[in-house]
N, C-alpha and C. Protein backbone atom coordinates (compact mmCIF):
# COMPACT_ATOMS: atom_id res chain seq x y z
N UNK A 1 -7.59 0.55 19.82
CA UNK A 1 -7.00 1.74 20.37
C UNK A 1 -7.83 2.93 19.91
N UNK A 2 -8.20 3.78 20.83
CA UNK A 2 -8.93 5.00 20.51
C UNK A 2 -8.00 6.18 20.67
N UNK A 3 -8.19 7.16 19.82
CA UNK A 3 -7.45 8.40 19.97
C UNK A 3 -8.28 9.54 19.40
N UNK A 4 -8.04 10.72 19.86
CA UNK A 4 -8.77 11.89 19.40
C UNK A 4 -8.11 12.40 18.13
N UNK A 5 -8.91 12.65 17.11
CA UNK A 5 -8.41 13.18 15.84
C UNK A 5 -9.16 14.47 15.54
N UNK A 6 -8.43 15.53 15.24
CA UNK A 6 -9.05 16.79 14.83
C UNK A 6 -9.82 16.57 13.54
N UNK A 7 -10.90 17.26 13.34
CA UNK A 7 -11.75 17.04 12.17
C UNK A 7 -11.05 17.33 10.85
N UNK A 8 -10.10 18.27 10.82
CA UNK A 8 -9.40 18.59 9.58
C UNK A 8 -8.22 17.65 9.30
N UNK A 9 -7.79 16.89 10.29
CA UNK A 9 -6.62 16.02 10.14
C UNK A 9 -6.98 14.79 9.32
N UNK A 10 -6.13 14.49 8.33
CA UNK A 10 -6.31 13.27 7.56
C UNK A 10 -5.70 12.12 8.35
N UNK A 11 -6.31 10.96 8.23
CA UNK A 11 -5.77 9.79 8.91
C UNK A 11 -5.90 8.58 8.01
N UNK A 12 -5.30 7.49 8.41
CA UNK A 12 -5.39 6.25 7.66
C UNK A 12 -4.83 6.39 6.26
N UNK A 13 -5.47 5.73 5.31
CA UNK A 13 -5.00 5.76 3.93
C UNK A 13 -5.07 7.16 3.32
N UNK A 14 -6.04 7.95 3.71
CA UNK A 14 -6.15 9.32 3.17
C UNK A 14 -4.88 10.12 3.42
N UNK A 15 -4.28 9.93 4.57
CA UNK A 15 -3.07 10.67 4.92
C UNK A 15 -1.86 10.20 4.11
N UNK A 16 -1.96 9.03 3.49
CA UNK A 16 -0.84 8.46 2.74
C UNK A 16 -0.94 8.72 1.23
N UNK A 17 -1.97 9.44 0.78
CA UNK A 17 -2.11 9.72 -0.65
C UNK A 17 -0.84 10.39 -1.18
N UNK A 18 -0.34 9.87 -2.29
CA UNK A 18 0.87 10.40 -2.90
C UNK A 18 2.15 9.71 -2.45
N UNK A 19 2.06 8.89 -1.41
CA UNK A 19 3.23 8.17 -0.88
C UNK A 19 3.33 6.78 -1.52
N UNK A 20 4.53 6.26 -1.61
CA UNK A 20 4.72 4.87 -2.03
C UNK A 20 4.57 4.01 -0.79
N UNK A 21 3.55 3.14 -0.81
CA UNK A 21 3.25 2.32 0.35
C UNK A 21 3.36 0.84 0.01
N UNK A 22 3.42 0.01 1.03
CA UNK A 22 3.43 -1.43 0.88
C UNK A 22 2.24 -1.99 1.64
N UNK A 23 1.49 -2.87 0.96
CA UNK A 23 0.30 -3.49 1.54
C UNK A 23 0.56 -4.98 1.73
N UNK A 24 0.48 -5.44 2.96
CA UNK A 24 0.53 -6.86 3.23
C UNK A 24 -0.91 -7.35 3.26
N UNK A 25 -1.26 -8.18 2.28
CA UNK A 25 -2.64 -8.65 2.13
C UNK A 25 -2.73 -10.14 2.48
N UNK A 26 -3.94 -10.69 2.36
CA UNK A 26 -4.16 -12.08 2.73
C UNK A 26 -3.22 -13.04 2.02
N UNK A 27 -2.96 -12.83 0.74
CA UNK A 27 -2.14 -13.77 -0.02
C UNK A 27 -0.87 -13.15 -0.61
N UNK A 28 -0.85 -11.87 -0.82
CA UNK A 28 0.26 -11.24 -1.53
C UNK A 28 0.70 -9.95 -0.84
N UNK A 29 1.84 -9.45 -1.29
CA UNK A 29 2.34 -8.14 -0.87
C UNK A 29 2.35 -7.26 -2.12
N UNK A 30 1.75 -6.06 -2.01
CA UNK A 30 1.73 -5.11 -3.11
C UNK A 30 2.46 -3.85 -2.68
N UNK A 31 3.07 -3.18 -3.63
CA UNK A 31 3.71 -1.90 -3.35
C UNK A 31 3.49 -0.97 -4.53
N UNK A 32 3.35 0.31 -4.26
CA UNK A 32 3.14 1.30 -5.31
C UNK A 32 2.73 2.63 -4.70
N UNK A 33 2.62 3.64 -5.56
CA UNK A 33 2.22 4.97 -5.11
C UNK A 33 0.71 5.00 -4.93
N UNK A 34 0.25 5.36 -3.74
CA UNK A 34 -1.18 5.43 -3.44
C UNK A 34 -1.77 6.67 -4.09
N UNK A 35 -2.65 6.45 -5.08
CA UNK A 35 -3.23 7.59 -5.81
C UNK A 35 -4.74 7.71 -5.63
N UNK A 36 -5.37 6.71 -5.00
CA UNK A 36 -6.81 6.78 -4.82
C UNK A 36 -7.27 5.96 -3.64
N UNK A 37 -8.29 6.47 -2.94
CA UNK A 37 -8.87 5.80 -1.78
C UNK A 37 -10.38 6.01 -1.83
N UNK A 38 -11.14 4.92 -1.67
CA UNK A 38 -12.57 5.07 -1.43
C UNK A 38 -12.97 4.08 -0.34
N UNK A 39 -14.23 3.84 -0.14
CA UNK A 39 -14.68 2.99 0.95
C UNK A 39 -14.33 1.52 0.81
N UNK A 40 -14.02 1.07 -0.41
CA UNK A 40 -13.76 -0.35 -0.62
C UNK A 40 -12.43 -0.68 -1.26
N UNK A 41 -11.82 0.28 -1.98
CA UNK A 41 -10.61 -0.02 -2.74
C UNK A 41 -9.53 1.05 -2.58
N UNK A 42 -8.31 0.61 -2.83
CA UNK A 42 -7.16 1.50 -2.93
C UNK A 42 -6.64 1.42 -4.35
N UNK A 43 -6.15 2.52 -4.90
CA UNK A 43 -5.56 2.53 -6.23
C UNK A 43 -4.07 2.82 -6.10
N UNK A 44 -3.26 1.94 -6.71
CA UNK A 44 -1.81 2.09 -6.70
C UNK A 44 -1.31 2.39 -8.10
N UNK A 45 -0.44 3.39 -8.22
CA UNK A 45 0.20 3.72 -9.48
C UNK A 45 1.53 2.97 -9.56
N UNK A 46 1.84 2.42 -10.74
CA UNK A 46 3.08 1.66 -10.95
C UNK A 46 3.23 0.58 -9.88
N UNK A 47 2.15 -0.17 -9.68
CA UNK A 47 2.13 -1.20 -8.64
C UNK A 47 3.01 -2.38 -9.00
N UNK A 48 3.52 -3.01 -7.96
CA UNK A 48 4.30 -4.24 -8.09
C UNK A 48 3.76 -5.25 -7.10
N UNK A 49 3.89 -6.52 -7.47
CA UNK A 49 3.60 -7.60 -6.54
C UNK A 49 4.95 -8.13 -6.06
N UNK A 50 5.10 -8.28 -4.77
CA UNK A 50 6.37 -8.69 -4.17
C UNK A 50 6.31 -10.19 -3.92
N UNK A 51 7.15 -10.95 -4.64
CA UNK A 51 7.21 -12.39 -4.46
C UNK A 51 8.23 -12.80 -3.41
N UNK A 52 9.34 -12.06 -3.31
CA UNK A 52 10.34 -12.30 -2.28
C UNK A 52 10.79 -10.95 -1.72
N UNK A 53 10.69 -10.82 -0.42
CA UNK A 53 11.04 -9.54 0.19
C UNK A 53 12.53 -9.34 0.33
N UNK A 54 13.27 -10.40 0.63
CA UNK A 54 14.67 -10.23 1.00
C UNK A 54 14.72 -9.59 2.38
N UNK A 55 15.83 -8.99 2.70
CA UNK A 55 16.02 -8.34 3.99
C UNK A 55 15.22 -7.03 4.03
N UNK A 56 14.43 -6.82 5.06
CA UNK A 56 13.61 -5.61 5.15
C UNK A 56 14.42 -4.34 5.32
N UNK A 57 15.68 -4.44 5.68
CA UNK A 57 16.52 -3.25 5.80
C UNK A 57 17.17 -2.87 4.47
N UNK A 58 17.01 -3.72 3.46
CA UNK A 58 17.57 -3.45 2.13
C UNK A 58 16.74 -2.37 1.43
N UNK A 59 17.36 -1.65 0.50
CA UNK A 59 16.64 -0.61 -0.25
C UNK A 59 15.80 -1.17 -1.39
N UNK A 60 16.00 -2.43 -1.75
CA UNK A 60 15.28 -3.05 -2.87
C UNK A 60 14.62 -4.34 -2.42
N UNK A 61 13.50 -4.67 -3.07
CA UNK A 61 12.88 -5.97 -2.87
C UNK A 61 13.71 -7.01 -3.60
N UNK A 62 13.77 -8.21 -3.07
CA UNK A 62 14.52 -9.28 -3.73
C UNK A 62 13.86 -9.65 -5.05
N UNK A 63 12.51 -9.76 -5.07
CA UNK A 63 11.78 -10.05 -6.31
C UNK A 63 10.43 -9.36 -6.27
N UNK A 64 10.32 -8.25 -6.99
CA UNK A 64 9.06 -7.50 -7.12
C UNK A 64 8.79 -7.30 -8.61
N UNK A 65 7.64 -7.78 -9.06
CA UNK A 65 7.30 -7.73 -10.48
C UNK A 65 6.23 -6.66 -10.74
N UNK A 66 6.45 -5.81 -11.76
CA UNK A 66 5.44 -4.80 -12.09
C UNK A 66 4.14 -5.47 -12.56
N UNK A 67 3.04 -4.90 -12.16
CA UNK A 67 1.73 -5.40 -12.61
C UNK A 67 1.35 -4.72 -13.92
N UNK A 68 0.65 -5.44 -14.81
CA UNK A 68 0.43 -4.94 -16.18
C UNK A 68 -0.63 -3.86 -16.34
N UNK A 69 -1.44 -3.63 -15.32
CA UNK A 69 -2.54 -2.67 -15.43
C UNK A 69 -2.26 -1.49 -14.50
N UNK A 70 -2.51 -0.29 -15.01
CA UNK A 70 -2.26 0.91 -14.23
C UNK A 70 -3.50 1.79 -14.27
N UNK A 71 -4.10 2.20 -13.16
CA UNK A 71 -3.72 1.87 -11.80
C UNK A 71 -4.19 0.47 -11.41
N UNK A 72 -3.56 -0.08 -10.38
CA UNK A 72 -3.93 -1.38 -9.84
C UNK A 72 -4.78 -1.15 -8.61
N UNK A 73 -5.85 -1.91 -8.46
CA UNK A 73 -6.76 -1.74 -7.33
C UNK A 73 -6.68 -2.91 -6.36
N UNK A 74 -6.69 -2.60 -5.08
CA UNK A 74 -6.65 -3.61 -4.03
C UNK A 74 -7.82 -3.36 -3.10
N UNK A 75 -8.54 -4.44 -2.74
CA UNK A 75 -9.66 -4.30 -1.81
C UNK A 75 -9.13 -3.99 -0.41
N UNK A 76 -9.70 -2.99 0.21
CA UNK A 76 -9.28 -2.62 1.57
C UNK A 76 -9.49 -3.78 2.53
N UNK A 77 -10.54 -4.56 2.34
CA UNK A 77 -10.82 -5.69 3.21
C UNK A 77 -9.76 -6.78 3.18
N UNK A 78 -8.92 -6.80 2.14
CA UNK A 78 -7.86 -7.80 2.02
C UNK A 78 -6.56 -7.36 2.70
N UNK A 79 -6.47 -6.11 3.09
CA UNK A 79 -5.24 -5.57 3.66
C UNK A 79 -5.14 -5.96 5.14
N UNK A 80 -4.02 -6.62 5.49
CA UNK A 80 -3.78 -6.99 6.88
C UNK A 80 -2.96 -5.94 7.61
N UNK A 81 -1.97 -5.38 6.91
CA UNK A 81 -1.16 -4.31 7.48
C UNK A 81 -0.53 -3.53 6.33
N UNK A 82 -0.05 -2.32 6.65
CA UNK A 82 0.51 -1.48 5.59
C UNK A 82 1.43 -0.43 6.20
N UNK A 83 2.26 0.14 5.32
CA UNK A 83 3.16 1.20 5.75
C UNK A 83 4.10 1.60 4.63
N UNK A 84 5.03 2.46 4.95
CA UNK A 84 6.04 2.90 3.99
C UNK A 84 7.31 2.11 4.30
N UNK A 85 7.73 1.25 3.35
CA UNK A 85 8.90 0.40 3.57
C UNK A 85 10.03 0.71 2.62
N UNK A 86 9.76 0.87 1.35
CA UNK A 86 10.82 1.00 0.33
C UNK A 86 10.64 2.30 -0.40
């Protein structure tokens, strides 16, 4: 899909800086506050790995475990889809 974007408008991950996002990756689901973006990686603050989602309309994940390192980095190439869920 192509669309026209004004040069000053942020798009993609840049537009989500500061938001708590969820990343569906090849093997895992990660969630956390997006605090950094570069050409290859995303940095999440207070990241969690989601082992069981539960109902997507629920306010909480059924099983989300905090990751021990802060910030947590995820390769952009591993991300299949993303958005703001919880």
